[in-house]
Amino acid sequence: MRSNTMKRSLVVTGLALALPFGLAACGGDDKPSKEDVLAGFDQMLAQMGMDEASLESFGVSGEQMDNYASCIVDDIYDEVSADLLNGVADGDAEAQVDISEEDEEVVTDAVDSCQGELGM
């Protein structure tokens, strides 16, 4: 059985993972590769102070984070706009843009789904 602290840590991590998608800058019409989106996502998390050491302090291993990030990108890649994917691939956590309601819903659903699939 997980402790309340562990559950809260996973929720905090889930929110931290969803945040870069809402802050992504506009990119273009062509989709970046999934690998580029994942790399940009990792870069954004690091800029936000969510590096491997700080995530482990929440009780989340690097492998869990990699699996979680991959799950989210896999779930959203074919469903969200190229602008959103390019913004994440750019890896700039400081950039801001309005995210469409459709993209926001897809990302939120992916975060929730991946948390459930990975037992987070």
PDB file of N, CA and C in Angstrom:
ATOM      1  N   MET A   1       0.849  -1.185   0.000  1.00  0.00           N
ATOM      2  CA  MET A   1       0.000   0.000   0.000  1.00  0.00           C
ATOM      3  C   MET A   1       0.892   1.246   0.000  1.00  0.00           C
ATOM      4  N   ARG A   2       0.576   2.197  -0.859  1.00  0.00           N
ATOM      5  CA  ARG A   2       1.349   3.422  -0.944  1.00  0.00           C
ATOM      6  C   ARG A   2       0.959   4.369   0.170  1.00  0.00           C
ATOM      7  N   SER A   3       1.947   5.124   0.608  1.00  0.00           N
ATOM      8  CA  SER A   3       1.655   6.135   1.622  1.00  0.00           C
ATOM      9  C   SER A   3       1.047   7.356   0.941  1.00  0.00           C
ATOM     10  N   ASN A   4       0.414   8.221   1.744  1.00  0.00           N
ATOM     11  CA  ASN A   4      -0.146   9.454   1.198  1.00  0.00           C
ATOM     12  C   ASN A   4       0.942  10.332   0.606  1.00  0.00           C
ATOM     13  N   THR A   5       2.135  10.320   1.216  1.00  0.00           N
ATOM     14  CA  THR A   5       3.246  11.110   0.696  1.00  0.00           C
ATOM     15  C   THR A   5       3.634  10.632  -0.684  1.00  0.00           C
ATOM     16  N   MET A   6       3.692   9.337  -0.879  1.00  0.00           N
ATOM     17  CA  MET A   6       4.041   8.777  -2.186  1.00  0.00           C
ATOM     18  C   MET A   6       2.990   9.157  -3.215  1.00  0.00           C
ATOM     19  N   LYS A   7       1.716   9.064  -2.862  1.00  0.00           N
ATOM     20  CA  LYS A   7       0.650   9.420  -3.793  1.00  0.00           C
ATOM     21  C   LYS A   7       0.745  10.896  -4.160  1.00  0.00           C
ATOM     22  N   ARG A   8       0.977  11.759  -3.170  1.00  0.00           N
ATOM     23  CA  ARG A   8       1.114  13.182  -3.459  1.00  0.00           C
ATOM     24  C   ARG A   8       2.320  13.443  -4.348  1.00  0.00           C
ATOM     25  N   SER A   9       3.410  12.731  -4.121  1.00  0.00           N
ATOM     26  CA  SER A   9       4.602  12.896  -4.941  1.00  0.00           C
ATOM     27  C   SER A   9       4.310  12.545  -6.388  1.00  0.00           C
ATOM     28  N   LEU A  10       3.569  11.495  -6.618  1.00  0.00           N
ATOM     29  CA  LEU A  10       3.247  11.091  -7.981  1.00  0.00           C
ATOM     30  C   LEU A  10       2.308  12.082  -8.639  1.00  0.00           C
ATOM     31  N   VAL A  11       1.401  12.662  -7.884  1.00  0.00           N
ATOM     32  CA  VAL A  11       0.515  13.688  -8.434  1.00  0.00           C
ATOM     33  C   VAL A  11       1.333  14.923  -8.807  1.00  0.00           C
ATOM     34  N   VAL A  12       2.248  15.336  -7.934  1.00  0.00           N
ATOM     35  CA  VAL A  12       3.115  16.477  -8.226  1.00  0.00           C
ATOM     36  C   VAL A  12       3.916  16.209  -9.492  1.00  0.00           C
ATOM     37  N   THR A  13       4.441  15.009  -9.611  1.00  0.00           N
ATOM     38  CA  THR A  13       5.210  14.645 -10.792  1.00  0.00           C
ATOM     39  C   THR A  13       4.332  14.678 -12.032  1.00  0.00           C
ATOM     40  N   GLY A  14       3.116  14.183 -11.934  1.00  0.00           N
ATOM     41  CA  GLY A  14       2.198  14.217 -13.068  1.00  0.00           C
ATOM     42  C   GLY A  14       1.905  15.637 -13.522  1.00  0.00           C
ATOM     43  N   LEU A  15       1.708  16.529 -12.572  1.00  0.00           N
ATOM     44  CA  LEU A  15       1.466  17.923 -12.923  1.00  0.00           C
ATOM     45  C   LEU A  15       2.696  18.549 -13.554  1.00  0.00           C
ATOM     46  N   ALA A  16       3.859  18.214 -13.036  1.00  0.00           N
ATOM     47  CA  ALA A  16       5.096  18.741 -13.606  1.00  0.00           C
ATOM     48  C   ALA A  16       5.283  18.247 -15.037  1.00  0.00           C
ATOM     49  N   LEU A  17       4.874  17.030 -15.304  1.00  0.00           N
ATOM     50  CA  LEU A  17       4.987  16.501 -16.657  1.00  0.00           C
ATOM     51  C   LEU A  17       4.005  17.164 -17.603  1.00  0.00           C
ATOM     52  N   ALA A  18       2.827  17.482 -17.136  1.00  0.00           N
ATOM     53  CA  ALA A  18       1.828  18.099 -18.000  1.00  0.00           C
ATOM     54  C   ALA A  18       2.150  19.563 -18.262  1.00  0.00           C
ATOM     55  N   LEU A  19       2.791  20.234 -17.334  1.00  0.00           N
ATOM     56  CA  LEU A  19       3.055  21.661 -17.452  1.00  0.00           C
ATOM     57  C   LEU A  19       3.827  22.047 -18.703  1.00  0.00           C
ATOM     58  N   PRO A  20       4.905  21.362 -19.079  1.00  0.00           N
ATOM     59  CA  PRO A  20       5.620  21.796 -20.278  1.00  0.00           C
ATOM     60  C   PRO A  20       4.762  21.787 -21.530  1.00  0.00           C
ATOM     61  N   PHE A  21       3.797  20.913 -21.628  1.00  0.00           N
ATOM     62  CA  PHE A  21       2.945  20.888 -22.799  1.00  0.00           C
ATOM     63  C   PHE A  21       2.117  22.160 -22.880  1.00  0.00           C
ATOM     64  N   GLY A  22       1.743  22.715 -21.756  1.00  0.00           N
ATOM     65  CA  GLY A  22       0.973  23.946 -21.757  1.00  0.00           C
ATOM     66  C   GLY A  22       1.817  25.173 -22.012  1.00  0.00           C
ATOM     67  N   LEU A  23       3.130  25.063 -21.865  1.00  0.00           N
ATOM     68  CA  LEU A  23       4.017  26.194 -22.041  1.00  0.00           C
ATOM     69  C   LEU A  23       4.759  26.165 -23.366  1.00  0.00           C
ATOM     70  N   ALA A  24       4.524  25.176 -24.170  1.00  0.00           N
ATOM     71  CA  ALA A  24       5.301  24.991 -25.393  1.00  0.00           C
ATOM     72  C   ALA A  24       5.117  26.149 -26.368  1.00  0.00           C
ATOM     73  N   ALA A  25       6.205  26.517 -27.024  1.00  0.00           N
ATOM     74  CA  ALA A  25       6.177  27.582 -28.017  1.00  0.00           C
ATOM     75  C   ALA A  25       5.707  27.037 -29.362  1.00  0.00           C
ATOM     76  N   CYS A  26       5.238  27.929 -30.227  1.00  0.00           N
ATOM     77  CA  CYS A  26       4.816  27.501 -31.558  1.00  0.00           C
ATOM     78  C   CYS A  26       6.018  27.075 -32.368  1.00  0.00           C
ATOM     79  N   GLY A  27       5.824  26.067 -33.212  1.00  0.00           N
ATOM     80  CA  GLY A  27       6.947  25.541 -33.954  1.00  0.00           C
ATOM     81  C   GLY A  27       6.762  25.551 -35.456  1.00  0.00           C
ATOM     82  N   GLY A  28       5.777  24.912 -35.997  1.00  0.00           N
ATOM     83  CA  GLY A  28       5.608  24.840 -37.435  1.00  0.00           C
ATOM     84  C   GLY A  28       4.619  23.763 -37.805  1.00  0.00           C
ATOM     85  N   ASP A  29       4.479  23.545 -39.131  1.00  0.00           N
ATOM     86  CA  ASP A  29       3.492  22.584 -39.610  1.00  0.00           C
ATOM     87  C   ASP A  29       3.995  21.151 -39.631  1.00  0.00           C
ATOM     88  N   ASP A  30       5.300  20.945 -39.743  1.00  0.00           N
ATOM     89  CA  ASP A  30       5.859  19.602 -39.786  1.00  0.00           C
ATOM     90  C   ASP A  30       6.111  19.096 -38.372  1.00  0.00           C
ATOM     91  N   LYS A  31       5.703  17.855 -38.143  1.00  0.00           N
ATOM     92  CA  LYS A  31       5.903  17.268 -36.812  1.00  0.00           C
ATOM     93  C   LYS A  31       7.364  16.882 -36.615  1.00  0.00           C
ATOM     94  N   PRO A  32       7.885  17.151 -35.417  1.00  0.00           N
ATOM     95  CA  PRO A  32       9.215  16.634 -35.085  1.00  0.00           C
ATOM     96  C   PRO A  32       9.101  15.138 -34.795  1.00  0.00           C
ATOM     97  N   SER A  33      10.214  14.452 -34.716  1.00  0.00           N
ATOM     98  CA  SER A  33      10.189  13.035 -34.358  1.00  0.00           C
ATOM     99  C   SER A  33       9.785  12.883 -32.895  1.00  0.00           C
ATOM    100  N   LYS A  34       9.306  11.697 -32.548  1.00  0.00           N
ATOM    101  CA  LYS A  34       8.971  11.429 -31.144  1.00  0.00           C
ATOM    102  C   LYS A  34      10.205  11.595 -30.272  1.00  0.00           C
ATOM    103  N   GLU A  35      11.364  11.194 -30.780  1.00  0.00           N
ATOM    104  CA  GLU A  35      12.608  11.315 -30.012  1.00  0.00           C
ATOM    105  C   GLU A  35      12.920  12.777 -29.714  1.00  0.00           C
ATOM    106  N   ASP A  36      12.677  13.671 -30.696  1.00  0.00           N
ATOM    107  CA  ASP A  36      12.907  15.095 -30.480  1.00  0.00           C
ATOM    108  C   ASP A  36      11.933  15.668 -29.453  1.00  0.00           C
ATOM    109  N   VAL A  37      10.691  15.192 -29.493  1.00  0.00           N
ATOM    110  CA  VAL A  37       9.694  15.654 -28.516  1.00  0.00           C
ATOM    111  C   VAL A  37      10.106  15.198 -27.112  1.00  0.00           C
ATOM    112  N   LEU A  38      10.527  13.947 -26.973  1.00  0.00           N
ATOM    113  CA  LEU A  38      10.971  13.446 -25.665  1.00  0.00           C
ATOM    114  C   LEU A  38      12.196  14.205 -25.165  1.00  0.00           C
ATOM    115  N   ALA A  39      13.142  14.478 -26.051  1.00  0.00           N
ATOM    116  CA  ALA A  39      14.355  15.212 -25.651  1.00  0.00           C
ATOM    117  C   ALA A  39      14.000  16.624 -25.193  1.00  0.00           C
ATOM    118  N   GLY A  40      13.113  17.290 -25.925  1.00  0.00           N
ATOM    119  CA  GLY A  40      12.688  18.626 -25.527  1.00  0.00           C
ATOM    120  C   GLY A  40      11.938  18.618 -24.215  1.00  0.00           C
ATOM    121  N   PHE A  41      11.133  17.599 -24.026  1.00  0.00           N
ATOM    122  CA  PHE A  41      10.385  17.434 -22.781  1.00  0.00           C
ATOM    123  C   PHE A  41      11.341  17.302 -21.596  1.00  0.00           C
ATOM    124  N   ASP A  42      12.371  16.461 -21.748  1.00  0.00           N
ATOM    125  CA  ASP A  42      13.378  16.298 -20.692  1.00  0.00           C
ATOM    126  C   ASP A  42      14.098  17.610 -20.411  1.00  0.00           C
ATOM    127  N   GLN A  43      14.405  18.352 -21.469  1.00  0.00           N
ATOM    128  CA  GLN A  43      15.080  19.637 -21.315  1.00  0.00           C
ATOM    129  C   GLN A  43      14.207  20.620 -20.541  1.00  0.00           C
ATOM    130  N   MET A  44      12.918  20.642 -20.846  1.00  0.00           N
ATOM    131  CA  MET A  44      12.003  21.538 -20.154  1.00  0.00           C
ATOM    132  C   MET A  44      11.884  21.187 -18.676  1.00  0.00           C
ATOM    133  N   LEU A  45      11.796  19.893 -18.385  1.00  0.00           N
ATOM    134  CA  LEU A  45      11.722  19.477 -16.984  1.00  0.00           C
ATOM    135  C   LEU A  45      12.968  19.904 -16.227  1.00  0.00           C
ATOM    136  N   ALA A  46      14.138  19.741 -16.846  1.00  0.00           N
ATOM    137  CA  ALA A  46      15.383  20.142 -16.204  1.00  0.00           C
ATOM    138  C   ALA A  46      15.390  21.642 -15.933  1.00  0.00           C
ATOM    139  N   GLN A  47      14.901  22.434 -16.880  1.00  0.00           N
ATOM    140  CA  GLN A  47      14.825  23.886 -16.694  1.00  0.00           C
ATOM    141  C   GLN A  47      13.909  24.250 -15.528  1.00  0.00           C
ATOM    142  N   MET A  48      12.930  23.408 -15.279  1.00  0.00           N
ATOM    143  CA  MET A  48      11.975  23.650 -14.202  1.00  0.00           C
ATOM    144  C   MET A  48      12.442  23.057 -12.876  1.00  0.00           C
ATOM    145  N   GLY A  49      13.672  22.541 -12.845  1.00  0.00           N
ATOM    146  CA  GLY A  49      14.216  21.974 -11.615  1.00  0.00           C
ATOM    147  C   GLY A  49      13.757  20.556 -11.338  1.00  0.00           C
ATOM    148  N   MET A  50      13.228  19.886 -12.344  1.00  0.00           N
ATOM    149  CA  MET A  50      12.733  18.519 -12.168  1.00  0.00           C
ATOM    150  C   MET A  50      13.714  17.533 -12.801  1.00  0.00           C
ATOM    151  N   ASP A  51      14.963  17.582 -12.339  1.00  0.00           N
ATOM    152  CA  ASP A  51      15.959  16.650 -12.847  1.00  0.00           C
ATOM    153  C   ASP A  51      15.821  15.308 -12.133  1.00  0.00           C
ATOM    154  N   GLU A  52      16.648  14.343 -12.525  1.00  0.00           N
ATOM    155  CA  GLU A  52      16.526  12.992 -11.982  1.00  0.00           C
ATOM    156  C   GLU A  52      16.667  12.961 -10.464  1.00  0.00           C
ATOM    157  N   ALA A  53      17.597  13.734  -9.924  1.00  0.00           N
ATOM    158  CA  ALA A  53      17.803  13.746  -8.471  1.00  0.00           C
ATOM    159  C   ALA A  53      16.578  14.278  -7.729  1.00  0.00           C
ATOM    160  N   SER A  54      15.992  15.351  -8.235  1.00  0.00           N
ATOM    161  CA  SER A  54      14.823  15.899  -7.538  1.00  0.00           C
ATOM    162  C   SER A  54      13.613  14.983  -7.682  1.00  0.00           C
ATOM    163  N   LEU A  55      13.481  14.317  -8.814  1.00  0.00           N
ATOM    164  CA  LEU A  55      12.374  13.377  -8.975  1.00  0.00           C
ATOM    165  C   LEU A  55      12.532  12.189  -8.034  1.00  0.00           C
ATOM    166  N   GLU A  56      13.766  11.724  -7.877  1.00  0.00           N
ATOM    167  CA  GLU A  56      14.000  10.611  -6.955  1.00  0.00           C
ATOM    168  C   GLU A  56      13.677  11.015  -5.520  1.00  0.00           C
ATOM    169  N   SER A  57      13.828  12.297  -5.194  1.00  0.00           N
ATOM    170  CA  SER A  57      13.458  12.758  -3.854  1.00  0.00           C
ATOM    171  C   SER A  57      11.954  12.646  -3.629  1.00  0.00           C
ATOM    172  N   PHE A  58      11.180  12.615  -4.721  1.00  0.00           N
ATOM    173  CA  PHE A  58       9.731  12.386  -4.646  1.00  0.00           C
ATOM    174  C   PHE A  58       9.404  10.903  -4.679  1.00  0.00           C
ATOM    175  N   GLY A  59      10.433  10.064  -4.789  1.00  0.00           N
ATOM    176  CA  GLY A  59      10.215   8.627  -4.835  1.00  0.00           C
ATOM    177  C   GLY A  59       9.930   8.096  -6.231  1.00  0.00           C
ATOM    178  N   VAL A  60      10.329   8.849  -7.251  1.00  0.00           N
ATOM    179  CA  VAL A  60      10.101   8.452  -8.641  1.00  0.00           C
ATOM    180  C   VAL A  60      11.455   8.192  -9.292  1.00  0.00           C
ATOM    181  N   SER A  61      11.654   6.974  -9.780  1.00  0.00           N
ATOM    182  CA  SER A  61      12.934   6.621 -10.388  1.00  0.00           C
ATOM    183  C   SER A  61      13.041   7.201 -11.796  1.00  0.00           C
ATOM    184  N   GLY A  62      14.264   7.266 -12.292  1.00  0.00           N
ATOM    185  CA  GLY A  62      14.497   7.718 -13.653  1.00  0.00           C
ATOM    186  C   GLY A  62      13.792   6.836 -14.659  1.00  0.00           C
ATOM    187  N   GLU A  63      13.780   5.538 -14.420  1.00  0.00           N
ATOM    188  CA  GLU A  63      13.109   4.607 -15.326  1.00  0.00           C
ATOM    189  C   GLU A  63      11.599   4.859 -15.354  1.00  0.00           C
ATOM    190  N   GLN A  64      11.002   5.113 -14.182  1.00  0.00           N
ATOM    191  CA  GLN A  64       9.574   5.418 -14.132  1.00  0.00           C
ATOM    192  C   GLN A  64       9.267   6.689 -14.927  1.00  0.00           C
ATOM    193  N   MET A  65      10.104   7.705 -14.773  1.00  0.00           N
ATOM    194  CA  MET A  65       9.889   8.956 -15.494  1.00  0.00           C
ATOM    195  C   MET A  65      10.034   8.751 -16.989  1.00  0.00           C
ATOM    196  N   ASP A  66      11.035   7.992 -17.403  1.00  0.00           N
ATOM    197  CA  ASP A  66      11.226   7.726 -18.831  1.00  0.00           C
ATOM    198  C   ASP A  66      10.003   7.003 -19.403  1.00  0.00           C
ATOM    199  N   ASN A  67       9.513   6.004 -18.686  1.00  0.00           N
ATOM    200  CA  ASN A  67       8.341   5.261 -19.136  1.00  0.00           C
ATOM    201  C   ASN A  67       7.102   6.150 -19.189  1.00  0.00           C
ATOM    202  N   TYR A  68       6.964   7.003 -18.204  1.00  0.00           N
ATOM    203  CA  TYR A  68       5.822   7.904 -18.121  1.00  0.00           C
ATOM    204  C   TYR A  68       5.853   8.926 -19.257  1.00  0.00           C
ATOM    205  N   ALA A  69       7.009   9.545 -19.462  1.00  0.00           N
ATOM    206  CA  ALA A  69       7.141  10.532 -20.537  1.00  0.00           C
ATOM    207  C   ALA A  69       6.898   9.879 -21.893  1.00  0.00           C
ATOM    208  N   SER A  70       7.446   8.687 -22.097  1.00  0.00           N
ATOM    209  CA  SER A  70       7.245   7.964 -23.359  1.00  0.00           C
ATOM    210  C   SER A  70       5.773   7.634 -23.569  1.00  0.00           C
ATOM    211  N   CYS A  71       5.107   7.226 -22.519  1.00  0.00           N
ATOM    212  CA  CYS A  71       3.680   6.909 -22.593  1.00  0.00           C
ATOM    213  C   CYS A  71       2.890   8.142 -23.026  1.00  0.00           C
ATOM    214  N   ILE A  72       3.173   9.284 -22.423  1.00  0.00           N
ATOM    215  CA  ILE A  72       2.452  10.507 -22.751  1.00  0.00           C
ATOM    216  C   ILE A  72       2.700  10.905 -24.205  1.00  0.00           C
ATOM    217  N   VAL A  73       3.967  10.909 -24.616  1.00  0.00           N
ATOM    218  CA  VAL A  73       4.282  11.304 -25.990  1.00  0.00           C
ATOM    219  C   VAL A  73       3.644  10.336 -26.984  1.00  0.00           C
ATOM    220  N   ASP A  74       3.710   9.047 -26.700  1.00  0.00           N
ATOM    221  CA  ASP A  74       3.069   8.066 -27.584  1.00  0.00           C
ATOM    222  C   ASP A  74       1.568   8.322 -27.697  1.00  0.00           C
ATOM    223  N   ASP A  75       0.931   8.644 -26.575  1.00  0.00           N
ATOM    224  CA  ASP A  75      -0.518   8.864 -26.562  1.00  0.00           C
ATOM    225  C   ASP A  75      -0.938  10.129 -27.306  1.00  0.00           C
ATOM    226  N   ILE A  76      -0.119  11.180 -27.252  1.00  0.00           N
ATOM    227  CA  ILE A  76      -0.536  12.456 -27.839  1.00  0.00           C
ATOM    228  C   ILE A  76      -0.005  12.693 -29.241  1.00  0.00           C
ATOM    229  N   TYR A  77       1.033  11.985 -29.633  1.00  0.00           N
ATOM    230  CA  TYR A  77       1.779  12.319 -30.844  1.00  0.00           C
ATOM    231  C   TYR A  77       0.892  12.455 -32.084  1.00  0.00           C
ATOM    232  N   ASP A  78      -0.012  11.550 -32.297  1.00  0.00           N
ATOM    233  CA  ASP A  78      -0.862  11.597 -33.485  1.00  0.00           C
ATOM    234  C   ASP A  78      -2.147  12.397 -33.277  1.00  0.00           C
ATOM    235  N   GLU A  79      -2.340  12.947 -32.083  1.00  0.00           N
ATOM    236  CA  GLU A  79      -3.601  13.601 -31.752  1.00  0.00           C
ATOM    237  C   GLU A  79      -3.503  15.116 -31.592  1.00  0.00           C
ATOM    238  N   VAL A  80      -2.324  15.640 -31.264  1.00  0.00           N
ATOM    239  CA  VAL A  80      -2.192  17.080 -31.010  1.00  0.00           C
ATOM    240  C   VAL A  80      -1.589  17.776 -32.222  1.00  0.00           C
ATOM    241  N   SER A  81      -1.636  19.088 -32.186  1.00  0.00           N
ATOM    242  CA  SER A  81      -1.142  19.891 -33.303  1.00  0.00           C
ATOM    243  C   SER A  81       0.379  19.789 -33.430  1.00  0.00           C
ATOM    244  N   ALA A  82       0.842  20.009 -34.657  1.00  0.00           N
ATOM    245  CA  ALA A  82       2.285  20.058 -34.915  1.00  0.00           C
ATOM    246  C   ALA A  82       2.908  21.215 -34.140  1.00  0.00           C
ATOM    247  N   ASP A  83       2.164  22.315 -33.969  1.00  0.00           N
ATOM    248  CA  ASP A  83       2.685  23.452 -33.198  1.00  0.00           C
ATOM    249  C   ASP A  83       3.044  23.038 -31.778  1.00  0.00           C
ATOM    250  N   LEU A  84       2.154  22.291 -31.147  1.00  0.00           N
ATOM    251  CA  LEU A  84       2.413  21.852 -29.779  1.00  0.00           C
ATOM    252  C   LEU A  84       3.626  20.933 -29.729  1.00  0.00           C
ATOM    253  N   LEU A  85       3.680  19.965 -30.630  1.00  0.00           N
ATOM    254  CA  LEU A  85       4.818  19.039 -30.645  1.00  0.00           C
ATOM    255  C   LEU A  85       6.131  19.763 -30.922  1.00  0.00           C
ATOM    256  N   ASN A  86       6.118  20.713 -31.847  1.00  0.00           N
ATOM    257  CA  ASN A  86       7.329  21.481 -32.137  1.00  0.00           C
ATOM    258  C   ASN A  86       7.744  22.340 -30.951  1.00  0.00           C
ATOM    259  N   GLY A  87       6.765  22.892 -30.261  1.00  0.00           N
ATOM    260  CA  GLY A  87       7.071  23.689 -29.080  1.00  0.00           C
ATOM    261  C   GLY A  87       7.744  22.864 -28.000  1.00  0.00           C
ATOM    262  N   VAL A  88       7.244  21.659 -27.778  1.00  0.00           N
ATOM    263  CA  VAL A  88       7.857  20.786 -26.777  1.00  0.00           C
ATOM    264  C   VAL A  88       9.251  20.382 -27.246  1.00  0.00           C
ATOM    265  N   ALA A  89       9.390  20.042 -28.515  1.00  0.00           N
ATOM    266  CA  ALA A  89      10.694  19.643 -29.048  1.00  0.00           C
ATOM    267  C   ALA A  89      11.713  20.773 -28.926  1.00  0.00           C
ATOM    268  N   ASP A  90      11.249  22.031 -28.981  1.00  0.00           N
ATOM    269  CA  ASP A  90      12.158  23.171 -28.813  1.00  0.00           C
ATOM    270  C   ASP A  90      12.754  23.206 -27.412  1.00  0.00           C
ATOM    271  N   GLY A  91      12.056  22.652 -26.442  1.00  0.00           N
ATOM    272  CA  GLY A  91      12.587  22.503 -25.090  1.00  0.00           C
ATOM    273  C   GLY A  91      12.718  23.777 -24.291  1.00  0.00           C
ATOM    274  N   ASP A  92      11.927  24.803 -24.578  1.00  0.00           N
ATOM    275  CA  ASP A  92      12.023  26.071 -23.865  1.00  0.00           C
ATOM    276  C   ASP A  92      10.859  26.207 -22.892  1.00  0.00           C
ATOM    277  N   ALA A  93      11.122  25.945 -21.625  1.00  0.00           N
ATOM    278  CA  ALA A  93      10.075  26.003 -20.603  1.00  0.00           C
ATOM    279  C   ALA A  93       9.605  27.427 -20.340  1.00  0.00           C
ATOM    280  N   GLU A  94      10.375  28.421 -20.758  1.00  0.00           N
ATOM    281  CA  GLU A  94      10.008  29.820 -20.529  1.00  0.00           C
ATOM    282  C   GLU A  94       9.063  30.355 -21.602  1.00  0.00           C
ATOM    283  N   ALA A  95       9.039  29.720 -22.765  1.00  0.00           N
ATOM    284  CA  ALA A  95       8.170  30.183 -23.850  1.00  0.00           C
ATOM    285  C   ALA A  95       6.714  29.935 -23.477  1.00  0.00           C
ATOM    286  N   GLN A  96       5.844  30.821 -23.914  1.00  0.00           N
ATOM    287  CA  GLN A  96       4.425  30.650 -23.600  1.00  0.00           C
ATOM    288  C   GLN A  96       3.588  30.801 -24.856  1.00  0.00           C
ATOM    289  N   VAL A  97       2.561  30.024 -24.932  1.00  0.00           N
ATOM    290  CA  VAL A  97       1.609  30.102 -26.041  1.00  0.00           C
ATOM    291  C   VAL A  97       0.284  29.565 -25.533  1.00  0.00           C
ATOM    292  N   ASP A  98      -0.773  30.006 -26.173  1.00  0.00           N
ATOM    293  CA  ASP A  98      -2.079  29.450 -25.834  1.00  0.00           C
ATOM    294  C   ASP A  98      -2.179  28.056 -26.424  1.00  0.00           C
ATOM    295  N   ILE A  99      -2.567  27.109 -25.602  1.00  0.00           N
ATOM    296  CA  ILE A  99      -2.784  25.742 -26.068  1.00  0.00           C
ATOM    297  C   ILE A  99      -4.265  25.604 -26.376  1.00  0.00           C
ATOM    298  N   SER A 100      -4.578  24.969 -27.500  1.00  0.00           N
ATOM    299  CA  SER A 100      -5.984  24.826 -27.867  1.00  0.00           C
ATOM    300  C   SER A 100      -6.688  23.928 -26.858  1.00  0.00           C
ATOM    301  N   GLU A 101      -7.989  24.093 -26.761  1.00  0.00           N
ATOM    302  CA  GLU A 101      -8.772  23.257 -25.851  1.00  0.00           C
ATOM    303  C   GLU A 101      -8.652  21.790 -26.225  1.00  0.00           C
ATOM    304  N   GLU A 102      -8.614  21.518 -27.527  1.00  0.00           N
ATOM    305  CA  GLU A 102      -8.505  20.138 -27.989  1.00  0.00           C
ATOM    306  C   GLU A 102      -7.165  19.522 -27.560  1.00  0.00           C
ATOM    307  N   ASP A 103      -6.077  20.270 -27.789  1.00  0.00           N
ATOM    308  CA  ASP A 103      -4.760  19.773 -27.396  1.00  0.00           C
ATOM    309  C   ASP A 103      -4.668  19.596 -25.877  1.00  0.00           C
ATOM    310  N   GLU A 104      -5.220  20.547 -25.143  1.00  0.00           N
ATOM    311  CA  GLU A 104      -5.194  20.458 -23.684  1.00  0.00           C
ATOM    312  C   GLU A 104      -5.931  19.209 -23.201  1.00  0.00           C
ATOM    313  N   GLU A 105      -7.073  18.921 -23.814  1.00  0.00           N
ATOM    314  CA  GLU A 105      -7.846  17.741 -23.425  1.00  0.00           C
ATOM    315  C   GLU A 105      -7.073  16.454 -23.729  1.00  0.00           C
ATOM    316  N   VAL A 106      -6.434  16.396 -24.893  1.00  0.00           N
ATOM    317  CA  VAL A 106      -5.649  15.215 -25.265  1.00  0.00           C
ATOM    318  C   VAL A 106      -4.507  15.004 -24.276  1.00  0.00           C
ATOM    319  N   VAL A 107      -3.802  16.081 -23.934  1.00  0.00           N
ATOM    320  CA  VAL A 107      -2.677  15.973 -23.003  1.00  0.00           C
ATOM    321  C   VAL A 107      -3.160  15.552 -21.619  1.00  0.00           C
ATOM    322  N   THR A 108      -4.227  16.156 -21.146  1.00  0.00           N
ATOM    323  CA  THR A 108      -4.764  15.803 -19.830  1.00  0.00           C
ATOM    324  C   THR A 108      -5.186  14.337 -19.790  1.00  0.00           C
ATOM    325  N   ASP A 109      -5.862  13.888 -20.842  1.00  0.00           N
ATOM    326  CA  ASP A 109      -6.276  12.485 -20.903  1.00  0.00           C
ATOM    327  C   ASP A 109      -5.064  11.555 -20.912  1.00  0.00           C
ATOM    328  N   ALA A 110      -4.013  11.940 -21.634  1.00  0.00           N
ATOM    329  CA  ALA A 110      -2.794  11.119 -21.696  1.00  0.00           C
ATOM    330  C   ALA A 110      -2.115  11.044 -20.349  1.00  0.00           C
ATOM    331  N   VAL A 111      -2.031  12.164 -19.648  1.00  0.00           N
ATOM    332  CA  VAL A 111      -1.418  12.181 -18.310  1.00  0.00           C
ATOM    333  C   VAL A 111      -2.192  11.249 -17.381  1.00  0.00           C
ATOM    334  N   ASP A 112      -3.506  11.372 -17.383  1.00  0.00           N
ATOM    335  CA  ASP A 112      -4.333  10.522 -16.517  1.00  0.00           C
ATOM    336  C   ASP A 112      -4.195   9.048 -16.894  1.00  0.00           C
ATOM    337  N   SER A 113      -4.263   8.764 -18.183  1.00  0.00           N
ATOM    338  CA  SER A 113      -4.177   7.385 -18.662  1.00  0.00           C
ATOM    339  C   SER A 113      -2.829   6.763 -18.327  1.00  0.00           C
ATOM    340  N   CYS A 114      -1.758   7.506 -18.552  1.00  0.00           N
ATOM    341  CA  CYS A 114      -0.414   6.967 -18.305  1.00  0.00           C
ATOM    342  C   CYS A 114      -0.157   6.762 -16.814  1.00  0.00           C
ATOM    343  N   GLN A 115      -0.696   7.626 -15.986  1.00  0.00           N
ATOM    344  CA  GLN A 115      -0.579   7.426 -14.545  1.00  0.00           C
ATOM    345  C   GLN A 115      -1.221   6.107 -14.160  1.00  0.00           C
ATOM    346  N   GLY A 116      -2.392   5.832 -14.714  1.00  0.00           N
ATOM    347  CA  GLY A 116      -3.107   4.589 -14.412  1.00  0.00           C
ATOM    348  C   GLY A 116      -2.377   3.382 -14.948  1.00  0.00           C
ATOM    349  N   GLU A 117      -1.918   3.450 -16.196  1.00  0.00           N
ATOM    350  CA  GLU A 117      -1.220   2.326 -16.811  1.00  0.00           C
ATOM    351  C   GLU A 117       0.063   1.957 -16.085  1.00  0.00           C
ATOM    352  N   LEU A 118       0.760   2.975 -15.578  1.00  0.00           N
ATOM    353  CA  LEU A 118       2.050   2.728 -14.944  1.00  0.00           C
ATOM    354  C   LEU A 118       1.921   2.624 -13.418  1.00  0.00           C
ATOM    355  N   GLY A 119       0.698   2.655 -12.921  1.00  0.00           N
ATOM    356  CA  GLY A 119       0.479   2.497 -11.479  1.00  0.00           C
ATOM    357  C   GLY A 119       0.992   3.659 -10.661  1.00  0.00           C
ATOM    358  N   MET A 120       0.913   4.852 -11.223  1.00  0.00           N
ATOM    359  CA  MET A 120       1.428   6.031 -10.535  1.00  0.00           C
ATOM    360  C   MET A 120       0.335   6.727  -9.765  1.00  0.00           C
TER     361      MET A 120
END
